[in-house]
Amino acid sequence: MIDPALREDPYALQKHLGFEITDWQEGSARVEMPIREVHGNRYGIPHGGVHATLIDTAMGFAGCYTGDPDRPQMAMTLSLTVNYLGQVKGDRLIVEARKTGGGRKTFFAEALITDELGNPVASGIGTFRYRTGTTAPKETTP
């Protein structure tokens, strides 16, 4: 579970989509979102862009944990690949992301979205660059 002291205030897109970061620690993050009508494409199923956004968000958080709310670390996405695996059968999307490597300026991560029933929905990999002017985490082995 995420330490309440490390919980960030929701930003505009997060408020609109309705997701929350439910776990955040060194090298990993978990994002969850109840599926609502606003997430649907013209077929009434969650839009692929919603999956991509959740994967991108979770992976970014996975690489930016510092453990100190006074020392935030930010990153920007350099590359994002999303693979759509199957249909959502549940009512909630759950993204598990983990940092897989990197160095002082960049990091790599992977993520998997399932619904609350355990059905795989989408996966992703990404490359991220730490933002200058923010605190980079100490290098660790994932």
Foldseek 3Di string as FASTA:
>chain_A
DDDPVQFDDDDDVCVVQVKGWPDADAFKTKIKGFDDQVQQDPVSFGDPVVVQVRFVVGQQRSQFDAVDNVQGWGKDFPDKDKDFDDGAPDGMKMKMKGWQDDDQFKTKMKIWIHGPVGHTTMIMITMITIDPPGDGHDDDHD
